[in-house]
PDB file of N, CA and C in Angstrom:
ATOM      1  N   MET A   1       8.579  -3.770  10.536  1.00  0.00           N
ATOM      2  CA  MET A   1       7.382  -3.786   9.736  1.00  0.00           C
ATOM      3  C   MET A   1       6.929  -5.231   9.480  1.00  0.00           C
ATOM      4  N   SER A   2       7.785  -6.175   9.714  1.00  0.00           N
ATOM      5  CA  SER A   2       7.435  -7.573   9.523  1.00  0.00           C
ATOM      6  C   SER A   2       6.347  -7.988  10.509  1.00  0.00           C
ATOM      7  N   GLY A   3       5.339  -8.661  10.018  1.00  0.00           N
ATOM      8  CA  GLY A   3       4.269  -9.139  10.878  1.00  0.00           C
ATOM      9  C   GLY A   3       3.150  -8.143  11.121  1.00  0.00           C
ATOM     10  N   GLU A   4       3.283  -6.920  10.636  1.00  0.00           N
ATOM     11  CA  GLU A   4       2.214  -5.930  10.814  1.00  0.00           C
ATOM     12  C   GLU A   4       1.096  -6.190   9.810  1.00  0.00           C
ATOM     13  N   PRO A   5      -0.144  -6.037  10.255  1.00  0.00           N
ATOM     14  CA  PRO A   5      -1.261  -6.281   9.332  1.00  0.00           C
ATOM     15  C   PRO A   5      -1.444  -5.143   8.323  1.00  0.00           C
ATOM     16  N   VAL A   6      -1.853  -5.509   7.148  1.00  0.00           N
ATOM     17  CA  VAL A   6      -2.248  -4.542   6.127  1.00  0.00           C
ATOM     18  C   VAL A   6      -3.761  -4.423   6.209  1.00  0.00           C
ATOM     19  N   THR A   7      -4.272  -3.203   6.272  1.00  0.00           N
ATOM     20  CA  THR A   7      -5.719  -3.006   6.268  1.00  0.00           C
ATOM     21  C   THR A   7      -6.114  -2.223   5.023  1.00  0.00           C
ATOM     22  N   ILE A   8      -7.244  -2.599   4.473  1.00  0.00           N
ATOM     23  CA  ILE A   8      -7.831  -1.875   3.343  1.00  0.00           C
ATOM     24  C   ILE A   8      -9.242  -1.490   3.761  1.00  0.00           C
ATOM     25  N   ARG A   9      -9.463  -0.196   3.912  1.00  0.00           N
ATOM     26  CA  ARG A   9     -10.776   0.312   4.319  1.00  0.00           C
ATOM     27  C   ARG A   9     -11.475   0.892   3.095  1.00  0.00           C
ATOM     28  N   ILE A  10     -12.681   0.440   2.820  1.00  0.00           N
ATOM     29  CA  ILE A  10     -13.465   0.973   1.709  1.00  0.00           C
ATOM     30  C   ILE A  10     -14.114   2.263   2.178  1.00  0.00           C
ATOM     31  N   ASP A  11     -13.744   3.379   1.545  1.00  0.00           N
ATOM     32  CA  ASP A  11     -14.265   4.685   1.924  1.00  0.00           C
ATOM     33  C   ASP A  11     -15.486   5.094   1.099  1.00  0.00           C
ATOM     34  N   ARG A  12     -15.503   4.688  -0.158  1.00  0.00           N
ATOM     35  CA  ARG A  12     -16.605   5.055  -1.049  1.00  0.00           C
ATOM     36  C   ARG A  12     -16.820   3.922  -2.040  1.00  0.00           C
ATOM     37  N   TYR A  13     -18.091   3.643  -2.343  1.00  0.00           N
ATOM     38  CA  TYR A  13     -18.425   2.529  -3.223  1.00  0.00           C
ATOM     39  C   TYR A  13     -19.688   2.885  -3.993  1.00  0.00           C
ATOM     40  N   HIS A  14     -19.658   2.739  -5.299  1.00  0.00           N
ATOM     41  CA  HIS A  14     -20.856   2.937  -6.119  1.00  0.00           C
ATOM     42  C   HIS A  14     -20.825   1.944  -7.266  1.00  0.00           C
ATOM     43  N   THR A  15     -21.948   1.272  -7.484  1.00  0.00           N
ATOM     44  CA  THR A  15     -22.054   0.346  -8.609  1.00  0.00           C
ATOM     45  C   THR A  15     -23.342   0.610  -9.384  1.00  0.00           C
ATOM     46  N   ARG A  16     -23.257   0.444 -10.679  1.00  0.00           N
ATOM     47  CA  ARG A  16     -24.433   0.610 -11.539  1.00  0.00           C
ATOM     48  C   ARG A  16     -25.144  -0.733 -11.653  1.00  0.00           C
ATOM     49  N   ASN A  17     -26.464  -0.699 -11.761  1.00  0.00           N
ATOM     50  CA  ASN A  17     -27.147  -1.960 -12.044  1.00  0.00           C
ATOM     51  C   ASN A  17     -26.949  -2.280 -13.524  1.00  0.00           C
ATOM     52  N   ALA A  18     -27.205  -3.523 -13.899  1.00  0.00           N
ATOM     53  CA  ALA A  18     -26.936  -3.972 -15.269  1.00  0.00           C
ATOM     54  C   ALA A  18     -27.721  -3.162 -16.295  1.00  0.00           C
ATOM     55  N   PHE A  19     -28.974  -2.846 -16.012  1.00  0.00           N
ATOM     56  CA  PHE A  19     -29.798  -2.086 -16.952  1.00  0.00           C
ATOM     57  C   PHE A  19     -29.191  -0.709 -17.213  1.00  0.00           C
ATOM     58  N   ALA A  20     -28.826  -0.006 -16.148  1.00  0.00           N
ATOM     59  CA  ALA A  20     -28.252   1.329 -16.306  1.00  0.00           C
ATOM     60  C   ALA A  20     -26.926   1.270 -17.046  1.00  0.00           C
ATOM     61  N   ARG A  21     -26.125   0.240 -16.772  1.00  0.00           N
ATOM     62  CA  ARG A  21     -24.828   0.119 -17.441  1.00  0.00           C
ATOM     63  C   ARG A  21     -25.015  -0.077 -18.947  1.00  0.00           C
ATOM     64  N   VAL A  22     -25.962  -0.926 -19.328  1.00  0.00           N
ATOM     65  CA  VAL A  22     -26.170  -1.226 -20.747  1.00  0.00           C
ATOM     66  C   VAL A  22     -26.915  -0.101 -21.455  1.00  0.00           C
ATOM     67  N   MET A  23     -27.981   0.401 -20.858  1.00  0.00           N
ATOM     68  CA  MET A  23     -28.817   1.392 -21.534  1.00  0.00           C
ATOM     69  C   MET A  23     -28.219   2.802 -21.522  1.00  0.00           C
ATOM     70  N   LEU A  24     -27.596   3.186 -20.425  1.00  0.00           N
ATOM     71  CA  LEU A  24     -27.069   4.542 -20.310  1.00  0.00           C
ATOM     72  C   LEU A  24     -25.572   4.622 -20.560  1.00  0.00           C
ATOM     73  N   GLY A  25     -24.870   3.510 -20.371  1.00  0.00           N
ATOM     74  CA  GLY A  25     -23.436   3.465 -20.642  1.00  0.00           C
ATOM     75  C   GLY A  25     -22.663   4.571 -19.945  1.00  0.00           C
ATOM     76  N   VAL A  26     -21.882   5.329 -20.722  1.00  0.00           N
ATOM     77  CA  VAL A  26     -21.014   6.355 -20.154  1.00  0.00           C
ATOM     78  C   VAL A  26     -21.788   7.574 -19.653  1.00  0.00           C
ATOM     79  N   LEU A  27     -23.080   7.668 -19.974  1.00  0.00           N
ATOM     80  CA  LEU A  27     -23.877   8.791 -19.479  1.00  0.00           C
ATOM     81  C   LEU A  27     -24.256   8.608 -18.012  1.00  0.00           C
ATOM     82  N   ASN A  28     -24.169   7.398 -17.537  1.00  0.00           N
ATOM     83  CA  ASN A  28     -24.500   7.081 -16.155  1.00  0.00           C
ATOM     84  C   ASN A  28     -23.278   7.302 -15.259  1.00  0.00           C
ATOM     85  N   ARG A  29     -23.511   7.449 -13.970  1.00  0.00           N
ATOM     86  CA  ARG A  29     -22.407   7.526 -13.003  1.00  0.00           C
ATOM     87  C   ARG A  29     -21.563   6.257 -13.092  1.00  0.00           C
ATOM     88  N   PRO A  30     -20.255   6.346 -13.022  1.00  0.00           N
ATOM     89  CA  PRO A  30     -19.415   5.146 -13.169  1.00  0.00           C
ATOM     90  C   PRO A  30     -19.425   4.271 -11.916  1.00  0.00           C
ATOM     91  N   ASP A  31     -19.072   2.995 -12.111  1.00  0.00           N
ATOM     92  CA  ASP A  31     -18.748   2.148 -10.970  1.00  0.00           C
ATOM     93  C   ASP A  31     -17.496   2.741 -10.344  1.00  0.00           C
ATOM     94  N   HIS A  32     -17.432   2.776  -9.011  1.00  0.00           N
ATOM     95  CA  HIS A  32     -16.305   3.457  -8.367  1.00  0.00           C
ATOM     96  C   HIS A  32     -16.040   2.856  -6.991  1.00  0.00           C
ATOM     97  N   ILE A  33     -14.776   2.711  -6.666  1.00  0.00           N
ATOM     98  CA  ILE A  33     -14.343   2.335  -5.316  1.00  0.00           C
ATOM     99  C   ILE A  33     -13.193   3.245  -4.928  1.00  0.00           C
ATOM    100  N   LYS A  34     -13.259   3.790  -3.711  1.00  0.00           N
ATOM    101  CA  LYS A  34     -12.155   4.552  -3.124  1.00  0.00           C
ATOM    102  C   LYS A  34     -11.837   3.869  -1.801  1.00  0.00           C
ATOM    103  N   ALA A  35     -10.571   3.592  -1.571  1.00  0.00           N
ATOM    104  CA  ALA A  35     -10.160   2.871  -0.367  1.00  0.00           C
ATOM    105  C   ALA A  35      -8.899   3.475   0.216  1.00  0.00           C
ATOM    106  N   THR A  36      -8.641   3.148   1.478  1.00  0.00           N
ATOM    107  CA  THR A  36      -7.416   3.569   2.159  1.00  0.00           C
ATOM    108  C   THR A  36      -6.635   2.321   2.562  1.00  0.00           C
ATOM    109  N   VAL A  37      -5.357   2.285   2.189  1.00  0.00           N
ATOM    110  CA  VAL A  37      -4.466   1.171   2.516  1.00  0.00           C
ATOM    111  C   VAL A  37      -3.557   1.626   3.649  1.00  0.00           C
ATOM    112  N   THR A  38      -3.458   0.803   4.698  1.00  0.00           N
ATOM    113  CA  THR A  38      -2.627   1.148   5.847  1.00  0.00           C
ATOM    114  C   THR A  38      -1.712  -0.026   6.194  1.00  0.00           C
ATOM    115  N   LEU A  39      -0.448   0.300   6.429  1.00  0.00           N
ATOM    116  CA  LEU A  39       0.535  -0.662   6.919  1.00  0.00           C
ATOM    117  C   LEU A  39       1.354   0.069   7.964  1.00  0.00           C
ATOM    118  N   GLY A  40       1.156  -0.309   9.219  1.00  0.00           N
ATOM    119  CA  GLY A  40       1.840   0.411  10.303  1.00  0.00           C
ATOM    120  C   GLY A  40       1.413   1.867  10.300  1.00  0.00           C
ATOM    121  N   ARG A  41       2.384   2.773  10.234  1.00  0.00           N
ATOM    122  CA  ARG A  41       2.057   4.206  10.216  1.00  0.00           C
ATOM    123  C   ARG A  41       1.968   4.767   8.799  1.00  0.00           C
ATOM    124  N   HIS A  42       2.160   3.919   7.803  1.00  0.00           N
ATOM    125  CA  HIS A  42       2.062   4.328   6.402  1.00  0.00           C
ATOM    126  C   HIS A  42       0.615   4.207   5.931  1.00  0.00           C
ATOM    127  N   ARG A  43       0.191   5.200   5.164  1.00  0.00           N
ATOM    128  CA  ARG A  43      -1.194   5.227   4.704  1.00  0.00           C
ATOM    129  C   ARG A  43      -1.264   5.851   3.315  1.00  0.00           C
ATOM    130  N   ALA A  44      -2.122   5.301   2.457  1.00  0.00           N
ATOM    131  CA  ALA A  44      -2.300   5.854   1.113  1.00  0.00           C
ATOM    132  C   ALA A  44      -3.725   5.592   0.634  1.00  0.00           C
ATOM    133  N   ASP A  45      -4.232   6.497  -0.174  1.00  0.00           N
ATOM    134  CA  ASP A  45      -5.542   6.333  -0.787  1.00  0.00           C
ATOM    135  C   ASP A  45      -5.375   5.715  -2.165  1.00  0.00           C
ATOM    136  N   VAL A  46      -6.272   4.800  -2.511  1.00  0.00           N
ATOM    137  CA  VAL A  46      -6.319   4.215  -3.845  1.00  0.00           C
ATOM    138  C   VAL A  46      -7.756   4.302  -4.340  1.00  0.00           C
ATOM    139  N   SER A  47      -7.924   4.485  -5.642  1.00  0.00           N
ATOM    140  CA  SER A  47      -9.281   4.546  -6.190  1.00  0.00           C
ATOM    141  C   SER A  47      -9.262   4.124  -7.644  1.00  0.00           C
ATOM    142  N   ASP A  48     -10.433   3.699  -8.100  1.00  0.00           N
ATOM    143  CA  ASP A  48     -10.579   3.320  -9.494  1.00  0.00           C
ATOM    144  C   ASP A  48     -12.041   3.461  -9.882  1.00  0.00           C
ATOM    145  N   SER A  49     -12.288   3.747 -11.154  1.00  0.00           N
ATOM    146  CA  SER A  49     -13.638   3.895 -11.685  1.00  0.00           C
ATOM    147  C   SER A  49     -13.738   3.172 -13.022  1.00  0.00           C
ATOM    148  N   ALA A  50     -14.959   2.769 -13.366  1.00  0.00           N
ATOM    149  CA  ALA A  50     -15.219   2.135 -14.655  1.00  0.00           C
ATOM    150  C   ALA A  50     -16.392   2.840 -15.311  1.00  0.00           C
ATOM    151  N   HIS A  51     -16.140   3.444 -16.468  1.00  0.00           N
ATOM    152  CA  HIS A  51     -17.169   4.191 -17.187  1.00  0.00           C
ATOM    153  C   HIS A  51     -17.809   3.379 -18.310  1.00  0.00           C
ATOM    154  N   MET A  52     -17.102   2.430 -18.846  1.00  0.00           N
ATOM    155  CA  MET A  52     -17.547   1.734 -20.050  1.00  0.00           C
ATOM    156  C   MET A  52     -18.648   0.713 -19.745  1.00  0.00           C
ATOM    157  N   THR A  53     -19.448   0.420 -20.745  1.00  0.00           N
ATOM    158  CA  THR A  53     -20.567  -0.513 -20.609  1.00  0.00           C
ATOM    159  C   THR A  53     -20.096  -1.917 -20.251  1.00  0.00           C
ATOM    160  N   PHE A  54     -18.990  -2.361 -20.825  1.00  0.00           N
ATOM    161  CA  PHE A  54     -18.541  -3.743 -20.642  1.00  0.00           C
ATOM    162  C   PHE A  54     -17.723  -3.967 -19.374  1.00  0.00           C
ATOM    163  N   THR A  55     -17.411  -2.918 -18.628  1.00  0.00           N
ATOM    164  CA  THR A  55     -16.682  -3.099 -17.372  1.00  0.00           C
ATOM    165  C   THR A  55     -17.660  -3.079 -16.202  1.00  0.00           C
ATOM    166  N   THR A  56     -17.335  -3.832 -15.175  1.00  0.00           N
ATOM    167  CA  THR A  56     -18.226  -3.948 -14.019  1.00  0.00           C
ATOM    168  C   THR A  56     -17.474  -3.603 -12.740  1.00  0.00           C
ATOM    169  N   ILE A  57     -18.194  -3.648 -11.631  1.00  0.00           N
ATOM    170  CA  ILE A  57     -17.589  -3.376 -10.326  1.00  0.00           C
ATOM    171  C   ILE A  57     -16.508  -4.420 -10.010  1.00  0.00           C
ATOM    172  N   HIS A  58     -16.624  -5.616 -10.598  1.00  0.00           N
ATOM    173  CA  HIS A  58     -15.608  -6.651 -10.377  1.00  0.00           C
ATOM    174  C   HIS A  58     -14.254  -6.222 -10.946  1.00  0.00           C
ATOM    175  N   THR A  59     -14.288  -5.572 -12.091  1.00  0.00           N
ATOM    176  CA  THR A  59     -13.051  -5.043 -12.692  1.00  0.00           C
ATOM    177  C   THR A  59     -12.456  -3.969 -11.796  1.00  0.00           C
ATOM    178  N   VAL A  60     -13.305  -3.097 -11.277  1.00  0.00           N
ATOM    179  CA  VAL A  60     -12.849  -2.027 -10.386  1.00  0.00           C
ATOM    180  C   VAL A  60     -12.247  -2.629  -9.117  1.00  0.00           C
ATOM    181  N   ALA A  61     -12.903  -3.624  -8.541  1.00  0.00           N
ATOM    182  CA  ALA A  61     -12.395  -4.266  -7.322  1.00  0.00           C
ATOM    183  C   ALA A  61     -11.043  -4.927  -7.568  1.00  0.00           C
ATOM    184  N   ARG A  62     -10.890  -5.590  -8.709  1.00  0.00           N
ATOM    185  CA  ARG A  62      -9.603  -6.214  -9.045  1.00  0.00           C
ATOM    186  C   ARG A  62      -8.507  -5.154  -9.165  1.00  0.00           C
ATOM    187  N   ASP A  63      -8.833  -4.034  -9.810  1.00  0.00           N
ATOM    188  CA  ASP A  63      -7.860  -2.951  -9.960  1.00  0.00           C
ATOM    189  C   ASP A  63      -7.484  -2.345  -8.609  1.00  0.00           C
ATOM    190  N   ILE A  64      -8.460  -2.203  -7.715  1.00  0.00           N
ATOM    191  CA  ILE A  64      -8.176  -1.683  -6.371  1.00  0.00           C
ATOM    192  C   ILE A  64      -7.234  -2.633  -5.636  1.00  0.00           C
ATOM    193  N   GLY A  65      -7.471  -3.933  -5.757  1.00  0.00           N
ATOM    194  CA  GLY A  65      -6.581  -4.914  -5.130  1.00  0.00           C
ATOM    195  C   GLY A  65      -5.165  -4.806  -5.657  1.00  0.00           C
ATOM    196  N   SER A  66      -5.043  -4.611  -6.951  1.00  0.00           N
ATOM    197  CA  SER A  66      -3.721  -4.456  -7.565  1.00  0.00           C
ATOM    198  C   SER A  66      -3.044  -3.171  -7.092  1.00  0.00           C
ATOM    199  N   GLU A  67      -3.792  -2.079  -7.059  1.00  0.00           N
ATOM    200  CA  GLU A  67      -3.227  -0.809  -6.583  1.00  0.00           C
ATOM    201  C   GLU A  67      -2.820  -0.901  -5.114  1.00  0.00           C
ATOM    202  N   ALA A  68      -3.632  -1.582  -4.297  1.00  0.00           N
ATOM    203  CA  ALA A  68      -3.307  -1.737  -2.876  1.00  0.00           C
ATOM    204  C   ALA A  68      -2.020  -2.535  -2.707  1.00  0.00           C
ATOM    205  N   THR A  69      -1.869  -3.609  -3.480  1.00  0.00           N
ATOM    206  CA  THR A  69      -0.651  -4.417  -3.426  1.00  0.00           C
ATOM    207  C   THR A  69       0.569  -3.597  -3.834  1.00  0.00           C
ATOM    208  N   ASP A  70       0.422  -2.819  -4.889  1.00  0.00           N
ATOM    209  CA  ASP A  70       1.516  -1.950  -5.324  1.00  0.00           C
ATOM    210  C   ASP A  70       1.887  -0.954  -4.231  1.00  0.00           C
ATOM    211  N   GLN A  71       0.891  -0.421  -3.554  1.00  0.00           N
ATOM    212  CA  GLN A  71       1.143   0.566  -2.513  1.00  0.00           C
ATOM    213  C   GLN A  71       1.879  -0.058  -1.327  1.00  0.00           C
ATOM    214  N   VAL A  72       1.518  -1.283  -0.967  1.00  0.00           N
ATOM    215  CA  VAL A  72       2.232  -1.992   0.106  1.00  0.00           C
ATOM    216  C   VAL A  72       3.692  -2.191  -0.280  1.00  0.00           C
ATOM    217  N   ALA A  73       3.951  -2.522  -1.541  1.00  0.00           N
ATOM    218  CA  ALA A  73       5.340  -2.668  -2.009  1.00  0.00           C
ATOM    219  C   ALA A  73       6.096  -1.356  -1.860  1.00  0.00           C
ATOM    220  N   VAL A  74       5.443  -0.235  -2.146  1.00  0.00           N
ATOM    221  CA  VAL A  74       6.074   1.085  -1.977  1.00  0.00           C
ATOM    222  C   VAL A  74       6.384   1.330  -0.500  1.00  0.00           C
ATOM    223  N   PHE A  75       5.430   1.008   0.380  1.00  0.00           N
ATOM    224  CA  PHE A  75       5.665   1.169   1.826  1.00  0.00           C
ATOM    225  C   PHE A  75       6.890   0.373   2.267  1.00  0.00           C
ATOM    226  N   LEU A  76       6.958  -0.877   1.833  1.00  0.00           N
ATOM    227  CA  LEU A  76       8.071  -1.739   2.240  1.00  0.00           C
ATOM    228  C   LEU A  76       9.398  -1.252   1.669  1.00  0.00           C
ATOM    229  N   TYR A  77       9.391  -0.791   0.438  1.00  0.00           N
ATOM    230  CA  TYR A  77      10.608  -0.248  -0.173  1.00  0.00           C
ATOM    231  C   TYR A  77      11.102   0.960   0.619  1.00  0.00           C
ATOM    232  N   ARG A  78      10.187   1.867   0.944  1.00  0.00           N
ATOM    233  CA  ARG A  78      10.581   3.062   1.702  1.00  0.00           C
ATOM    234  C   ARG A  78      11.120   2.696   3.081  1.00  0.00           C
ATOM    235  N   ALA A  79      10.491   1.731   3.742  1.00  0.00           N
ATOM    236  CA  ALA A  79      10.952   1.307   5.067  1.00  0.00           C
ATOM    237  C   ALA A  79      12.342   0.676   4.977  1.00  0.00           C
ATOM    238  N   THR A  80      12.588  -0.096   3.927  1.00  0.00           N
ATOM    239  CA  THR A  80      13.899  -0.734   3.742  1.00  0.00           C
ATOM    240  C   THR A  80      14.965   0.314   3.478  1.00  0.00           C
ATOM    241  N   ARG A  81      14.648   1.291   2.627  1.00  0.00           N
ATOM    242  CA  ARG A  81      15.603   2.361   2.316  1.00  0.00           C
ATOM    243  C   ARG A  81      15.912   3.200   3.547  1.00  0.00           C
ATOM    244  N   LYS A  82      14.887   3.461   4.349  1.00  0.00           N
ATOM    245  CA  LYS A  82      15.050   4.277   5.552  1.00  0.00           C
ATOM    246  C   LYS A  82      15.940   3.581   6.574  1.00  0.00           C
ATOM    247  N   ASN A  83      15.830   2.249   6.623  1.00  0.00           N
ATOM    248  CA  ASN A  83      16.600   1.466   7.595  1.00  0.00           C
ATOM    249  C   ASN A  83      17.957   1.021   7.051  1.00  0.00           C
ATOM    250  N   GLY A  84      18.331   1.546   5.887  1.00  0.00           N
ATOM    251  CA  GLY A  84      19.652   1.262   5.346  1.00  0.00           C
ATOM    252  C   GLY A  84      19.779  -0.064   4.642  1.00  0.00           C
ATOM    253  N   GLY A  85      18.650  -0.671   4.237  1.00  0.00           N
ATOM    254  CA  GLY A  85      18.687  -1.994   3.601  1.00  0.00           C
ATOM    255  C   GLY A  85      18.736  -1.982   2.177  1.00  0.00           C
TER     256      GLY A  85
END
């Protein structure tokens, strides 16, 4: 698994404009990102949404990055356990 590329594919993306976020708040559709993380033959879906007025798509993107990193750690742990490490 060493040297294999990690890919993150954005499957779904929605962001609110600033006016809708402030004026409609939680009544509006949330900011949302759904992505697929792949490392070798391992694959997992990650997603996050932001409903609150003060959160933006940047917060969602940061959370997706964190979830993707966590998922890669899970892939590596499973590969190590499988190989007796």
